[in-house]
C-alpha cells in the first residue's frame, strides 16, 4: 500500500506528469532537454527527477558525461495504468528541444 501512495504522490505534481510523459515519448533524455522542452528550471527538474527516481519511476544512466533519464520498468504492473494515462498528455507536449552537445556525442 505504501508503494502505491508513493507512486501517487509522484504523479500529484503537473510538472512530474509532464516529465514522465516526455520520458515516455522520447527514448532517453538529458536534464537540459527536459528543462528546455518544458521551460522549467534545472534545479526544479533535478528535484522532480530525484523524487521520481526514489520511488522507482525513473532510471538514470551515464552516457559519456551525460546523465540520461528514462521511465523505469520497475512497478510495471502498478504503473501500467499511469502509462496509459500519460498517453493523453503526450500530444500536448511541445517538440523536444534537443541538446546539441548531448545529441552530437554519437547517439
N, C-alpha and C. Protein backbone atom coordinates (compact mmCIF):
# COMPACT_ATOMS: atom_id res chain seq x y z
N UNK A 1 0.82 -1.19 0.00
CA UNK A 1 0.00 0.00 0.00
C UNK A 1 0.87 1.26 0.00
N UNK A 2 1.96 1.26 0.75
CA UNK A 2 2.83 2.43 0.80
C UNK A 2 3.45 2.72 -0.56
N UNK A 3 3.74 1.67 -1.32
CA UNK A 3 4.29 1.85 -2.66
C UNK A 3 3.32 2.59 -3.56
N UNK A 4 2.05 2.24 -3.48
CA UNK A 4 1.02 2.88 -4.30
C UNK A 4 0.88 4.35 -3.91
N UNK A 5 0.91 4.63 -2.61
CA UNK A 5 0.81 6.01 -2.14
C UNK A 5 2.01 6.83 -2.64
N UNK A 6 3.22 6.26 -2.56
CA UNK A 6 4.42 6.97 -3.02
C UNK A 6 4.33 7.24 -4.53
N UNK A 7 3.86 6.26 -5.29
CA UNK A 7 3.71 6.46 -6.74
C UNK A 7 2.67 7.54 -7.02
N UNK A 8 1.57 7.51 -6.30
CA UNK A 8 0.52 8.51 -6.49
C UNK A 8 1.04 9.91 -6.17
N UNK A 9 1.83 10.03 -5.11
CA UNK A 9 2.41 11.34 -4.76
C UNK A 9 3.31 11.83 -5.87
N UNK A 10 4.03 10.93 -6.51
CA UNK A 10 4.91 11.34 -7.60
C UNK A 10 4.13 11.93 -8.76
N UNK A 11 2.94 11.45 -8.99
CA UNK A 11 2.12 11.95 -10.09
C UNK A 11 1.16 13.05 -9.64
N UNK A 12 1.36 13.57 -8.42
CA UNK A 12 0.46 14.61 -7.92
C UNK A 12 0.90 16.02 -8.35
N UNK A 13 2.02 16.12 -9.04
CA UNK A 13 2.51 17.42 -9.50
C UNK A 13 2.45 17.47 -11.02
N UNK A 14 1.86 18.52 -11.58
CA UNK A 14 1.75 18.60 -13.05
C UNK A 14 3.10 18.55 -13.77
N UNK A 15 4.14 19.12 -13.19
CA UNK A 15 5.44 19.08 -13.84
C UNK A 15 6.01 17.67 -13.87
N UNK A 16 5.80 16.89 -12.82
CA UNK A 16 6.28 15.50 -12.83
C UNK A 16 5.50 14.67 -13.84
N UNK A 17 4.21 14.97 -14.02
CA UNK A 17 3.42 14.28 -15.04
C UNK A 17 3.97 14.61 -16.43
N UNK A 18 4.29 15.89 -16.66
CA UNK A 18 4.86 16.28 -17.96
C UNK A 18 6.21 15.62 -18.19
N UNK A 19 7.03 15.58 -17.15
CA UNK A 19 8.35 14.92 -17.28
C UNK A 19 8.17 13.44 -17.62
N UNK A 20 7.26 12.78 -16.91
CA UNK A 20 7.02 11.35 -17.18
C UNK A 20 6.50 11.15 -18.60
N UNK A 21 5.61 12.02 -19.05
CA UNK A 21 5.08 11.90 -20.41
C UNK A 21 6.19 12.12 -21.44
N UNK A 22 7.06 13.10 -21.18
CA UNK A 22 8.18 13.33 -22.09
C UNK A 22 9.10 12.12 -22.14
N UNK A 23 9.37 11.52 -20.98
CA UNK A 23 10.21 10.33 -20.94
C UNK A 23 9.54 9.14 -21.61
N UNK A 24 8.23 9.10 -21.58
CA UNK A 24 7.52 8.02 -22.28
C UNK A 24 7.62 8.23 -23.78
N UNK A 25 7.53 9.47 -24.22
CA UNK A 25 7.56 9.77 -25.65
C UNK A 25 8.96 9.64 -26.25
N UNK A 26 9.96 10.08 -25.51
CA UNK A 26 11.33 10.09 -26.01
C UNK A 26 12.10 8.92 -25.42
N UNK A 27 13.10 8.47 -26.12
CA UNK A 27 13.91 7.33 -25.70
C UNK A 27 15.19 7.84 -25.05
N UNK A 28 15.13 8.17 -23.77
CA UNK A 28 16.30 8.68 -23.05
C UNK A 28 16.50 10.16 -23.28
N UNK A 29 16.45 10.93 -22.22
CA UNK A 29 16.51 12.38 -22.32
C UNK A 29 17.45 12.91 -21.23
N UNK A 30 18.26 13.91 -21.58
CA UNK A 30 19.12 14.54 -20.57
C UNK A 30 18.36 15.69 -19.90
N UNK A 31 18.86 16.14 -18.77
CA UNK A 31 18.18 17.18 -17.99
C UNK A 31 17.98 18.46 -18.80
N UNK A 32 18.99 18.85 -19.57
CA UNK A 32 18.87 20.11 -20.32
C UNK A 32 17.73 20.02 -21.34
N UNK A 33 17.50 18.84 -21.91
CA UNK A 33 16.40 18.68 -22.86
C UNK A 33 15.05 18.78 -22.16
N UNK A 34 14.96 18.22 -20.96
CA UNK A 34 13.72 18.33 -20.19
C UNK A 34 13.46 19.80 -19.86
N UNK A 35 14.50 20.49 -19.37
CA UNK A 35 14.38 21.91 -19.00
C UNK A 35 13.94 22.75 -20.19
N UNK A 36 14.63 22.59 -21.31
CA UNK A 36 14.35 23.41 -22.49
C UNK A 36 12.99 23.08 -23.11
N UNK A 37 12.65 21.81 -23.16
CA UNK A 37 11.39 21.40 -23.77
C UNK A 37 10.19 21.86 -22.95
N UNK A 38 10.29 21.72 -21.63
CA UNK A 38 9.14 22.04 -20.77
C UNK A 38 9.24 23.44 -20.16
N UNK A 39 10.29 24.19 -20.51
CA UNK A 39 10.51 25.54 -19.97
C UNK A 39 10.50 25.55 -18.44
N UNK A 40 11.28 24.65 -17.87
CA UNK A 40 11.41 24.55 -16.42
C UNK A 40 12.88 24.77 -16.04
N UNK A 41 13.11 25.25 -14.84
CA UNK A 41 14.49 25.49 -14.40
C UNK A 41 15.19 24.17 -14.10
N UNK A 42 16.51 24.19 -14.23
CA UNK A 42 17.30 22.98 -13.97
C UNK A 42 17.16 22.50 -12.52
N UNK A 43 17.22 23.40 -11.51
CA UNK A 43 17.05 22.91 -10.13
C UNK A 43 15.68 22.25 -9.90
N UNK A 44 14.64 22.82 -10.50
CA UNK A 44 13.30 22.25 -10.35
C UNK A 44 13.23 20.87 -10.99
N UNK A 45 13.73 20.74 -12.21
CA UNK A 45 13.71 19.45 -12.90
C UNK A 45 14.53 18.42 -12.13
N UNK A 46 15.70 18.81 -11.65
CA UNK A 46 16.53 17.88 -10.89
C UNK A 46 15.82 17.40 -9.62
N UNK A 47 15.15 18.31 -8.95
CA UNK A 47 14.41 17.94 -7.75
C UNK A 47 13.29 16.95 -8.08
N UNK A 48 12.56 17.21 -9.15
CA UNK A 48 11.49 16.29 -9.56
C UNK A 48 12.06 14.93 -9.95
N UNK A 49 13.14 14.92 -10.71
CA UNK A 49 13.76 13.66 -11.14
C UNK A 49 14.26 12.86 -9.93
N UNK A 50 14.80 13.54 -8.95
CA UNK A 50 15.27 12.86 -7.74
C UNK A 50 14.12 12.15 -7.04
N UNK A 51 13.01 12.85 -6.89
CA UNK A 51 11.84 12.24 -6.25
C UNK A 51 11.32 11.06 -7.08
N UNK A 52 11.30 11.21 -8.38
CA UNK A 52 10.79 10.15 -9.25
C UNK A 52 11.73 8.94 -9.23
N UNK A 53 13.03 9.18 -9.11
CA UNK A 53 14.00 8.08 -9.00
C UNK A 53 13.83 7.34 -7.68
N UNK A 54 13.57 8.09 -6.60
CA UNK A 54 13.45 7.48 -5.28
C UNK A 54 12.30 6.48 -5.21
N UNK A 55 11.23 6.74 -5.94
CA UNK A 55 10.11 5.80 -5.94
C UNK A 55 10.18 4.79 -7.07
N UNK A 56 11.20 4.94 -7.93
CA UNK A 56 11.42 3.94 -8.98
C UNK A 56 10.69 4.18 -10.28
N UNK A 57 10.19 5.38 -10.50
CA UNK A 57 9.51 5.69 -11.76
C UNK A 57 10.51 5.96 -12.87
N UNK A 58 11.63 6.56 -12.49
CA UNK A 58 12.64 6.99 -13.45
C UNK A 58 13.97 6.30 -13.16
N UNK A 59 14.67 5.96 -14.21
CA UNK A 59 16.03 5.45 -14.07
C UNK A 59 16.98 6.45 -14.72
N UNK A 60 18.23 6.38 -14.32
CA UNK A 60 19.25 7.27 -14.88
C UNK A 60 20.49 6.45 -15.14
N UNK A 61 21.13 6.72 -16.26
CA UNK A 61 22.40 6.06 -16.56
C UNK A 61 23.31 7.05 -17.27
N UNK A 62 24.58 6.83 -17.09
CA UNK A 62 25.57 7.70 -17.73
C UNK A 62 25.72 7.33 -19.20
N UNK A 63 25.80 8.34 -20.02
CA UNK A 63 26.12 8.18 -21.43
C UNK A 63 27.22 9.19 -21.71
N UNK A 64 28.47 8.74 -21.61
CA UNK A 64 29.58 9.67 -21.67
C UNK A 64 29.55 10.56 -20.44
N UNK A 65 29.56 11.86 -20.64
CA UNK A 65 29.50 12.77 -19.50
C UNK A 65 28.06 13.16 -19.14
N UNK A 66 27.10 12.61 -19.85
CA UNK A 66 25.70 12.96 -19.67
C UNK A 66 24.97 11.94 -18.81
N UNK A 67 23.99 12.41 -18.06
CA UNK A 67 23.08 11.54 -17.33
C UNK A 67 21.79 11.49 -18.14
N UNK A 68 21.40 10.30 -18.54
CA UNK A 68 20.23 10.12 -19.40
C UNK A 68 19.11 9.46 -18.58
N UNK A 69 17.93 10.07 -18.63
CA UNK A 69 16.79 9.62 -17.84
C UNK A 69 15.77 8.91 -18.74
N UNK A 70 15.17 7.85 -18.17
CA UNK A 70 14.15 7.08 -18.87
C UNK A 70 13.11 6.63 -17.86
N UNK A 71 11.95 6.25 -18.36
CA UNK A 71 10.96 5.64 -17.47
C UNK A 71 11.44 4.25 -17.10
N UNK A 72 11.20 3.88 -15.88
CA UNK A 72 11.65 2.60 -15.35
C UNK A 72 10.68 1.48 -15.70
N UNK A 73 11.19 0.27 -15.76
CA UNK A 73 10.32 -0.90 -15.91
C UNK A 73 9.88 -1.43 -14.55
N UNK A 74 10.44 -0.89 -13.48
CA UNK A 74 10.03 -1.29 -12.13
C UNK A 74 8.56 -0.90 -11.94
N UNK A 75 7.91 -1.58 -11.08
CA UNK A 75 6.48 -1.31 -10.81
C UNK A 75 5.65 -1.44 -12.07
N UNK A 76 6.07 -2.30 -12.97
CA UNK A 76 5.44 -2.41 -14.30
C UNK A 76 3.92 -2.53 -14.21
N UNK A 77 3.45 -3.45 -13.38
CA UNK A 77 2.01 -3.65 -13.26
C UNK A 77 1.32 -2.43 -12.67
N UNK A 78 1.91 -1.87 -11.62
CA UNK A 78 1.30 -0.73 -10.94
C UNK A 78 1.29 0.49 -11.85
N UNK A 79 2.36 0.68 -12.61
CA UNK A 79 2.46 1.86 -13.46
C UNK A 79 1.74 1.73 -14.79
N UNK A 80 1.25 0.56 -15.12
CA UNK A 80 0.64 0.39 -16.44
C UNK A 80 -0.55 1.34 -16.64
N UNK A 81 -1.36 1.55 -15.61
CA UNK A 81 -2.49 2.47 -15.75
C UNK A 81 -2.00 3.92 -15.87
N UNK A 82 -0.92 4.27 -15.16
CA UNK A 82 -0.35 5.61 -15.26
C UNK A 82 0.21 5.82 -16.67
N UNK A 83 0.89 4.81 -17.20
CA UNK A 83 1.47 4.95 -18.54
C UNK A 83 0.38 5.14 -19.59
N UNK A 84 -0.73 4.45 -19.43
CA UNK A 84 -1.85 4.65 -20.36
C UNK A 84 -2.39 6.07 -20.22
N UNK A 85 -2.47 6.56 -18.99
CA UNK A 85 -2.96 7.92 -18.76
C UNK A 85 -2.01 8.95 -19.34
N UNK A 86 -0.71 8.68 -19.31
CA UNK A 86 0.27 9.61 -19.87
C UNK A 86 0.10 9.79 -21.37
N UNK A 87 -0.44 8.79 -22.04
CA UNK A 87 -0.65 8.88 -23.49
C UNK A 87 -1.52 10.08 -23.84
N UNK A 88 -2.43 10.47 -22.94
CA UNK A 88 -3.28 11.63 -23.22
C UNK A 88 -2.51 12.94 -23.05
N UNK A 89 -1.41 12.92 -22.31
CA UNK A 89 -0.61 14.12 -22.09
C UNK A 89 0.41 14.30 -23.22
N UNK A 90 0.91 13.22 -23.77
CA UNK A 90 1.97 13.26 -24.78
C UNK A 90 1.64 14.21 -25.94
N UNK A 91 0.45 14.18 -26.53
CA UNK A 91 0.18 15.08 -27.66
C UNK A 91 0.21 16.56 -27.28
N UNK A 92 0.06 16.87 -26.01
CA UNK A 92 0.06 18.26 -25.56
C UNK A 92 1.46 18.81 -25.31
N UNK A 93 2.46 17.94 -25.35
CA UNK A 93 3.83 18.37 -25.10
C UNK A 93 4.42 19.06 -26.33
N UNK A 94 5.29 20.04 -26.09
CA UNK A 94 5.97 20.66 -27.23
C UNK A 94 6.99 19.69 -27.81
N UNK A 95 7.47 19.95 -29.03
CA UNK A 95 8.52 19.10 -29.60
C UNK A 95 9.77 19.17 -28.72
N UNK A 96 10.54 18.10 -28.75
CA UNK A 96 11.76 18.03 -27.97
C UNK A 96 12.74 19.10 -28.42
N UNK A 97 13.25 19.86 -27.46
CA UNK A 97 14.32 20.80 -27.73
C UNK A 97 15.60 20.03 -27.43
N UNK A 98 16.22 19.52 -28.48
CA UNK A 98 17.38 18.64 -28.32
C UNK A 98 18.61 19.44 -27.91
N UNK A 99 19.35 18.86 -27.01
CA UNK A 99 20.61 19.44 -26.55
C UNK A 99 21.67 19.07 -27.59
N UNK A 100 22.15 20.07 -28.32
CA UNK A 100 23.09 19.78 -29.41
C UNK A 100 24.38 19.16 -28.89
N UNK A 101 24.80 19.54 -27.70
CA UNK A 101 26.03 18.95 -27.14
C UNK A 101 25.83 17.48 -26.84
N UNK A 102 24.69 17.16 -26.23
CA UNK A 102 24.42 15.76 -25.86
C UNK A 102 24.11 14.93 -27.12
N UNK A 103 23.24 15.39 -27.95
CA UNK A 103 22.83 14.62 -29.14
C UNK A 103 23.97 14.49 -30.12
N UNK A 104 24.93 15.38 -30.07
CA UNK A 104 26.06 15.33 -31.00
C UNK A 104 27.14 14.36 -30.59
N UNK A 105 26.99 13.68 -29.43
CA UNK A 105 28.02 12.78 -28.94
C UNK A 105 27.81 11.33 -29.38
N UNK A 106 27.48 11.13 -30.62
CA UNK A 106 27.41 9.77 -31.15
C UNK A 106 26.17 8.99 -30.78
N UNK A 107 25.10 9.68 -30.47
CA UNK A 107 23.87 8.97 -30.13
C UNK A 107 23.20 8.43 -31.32
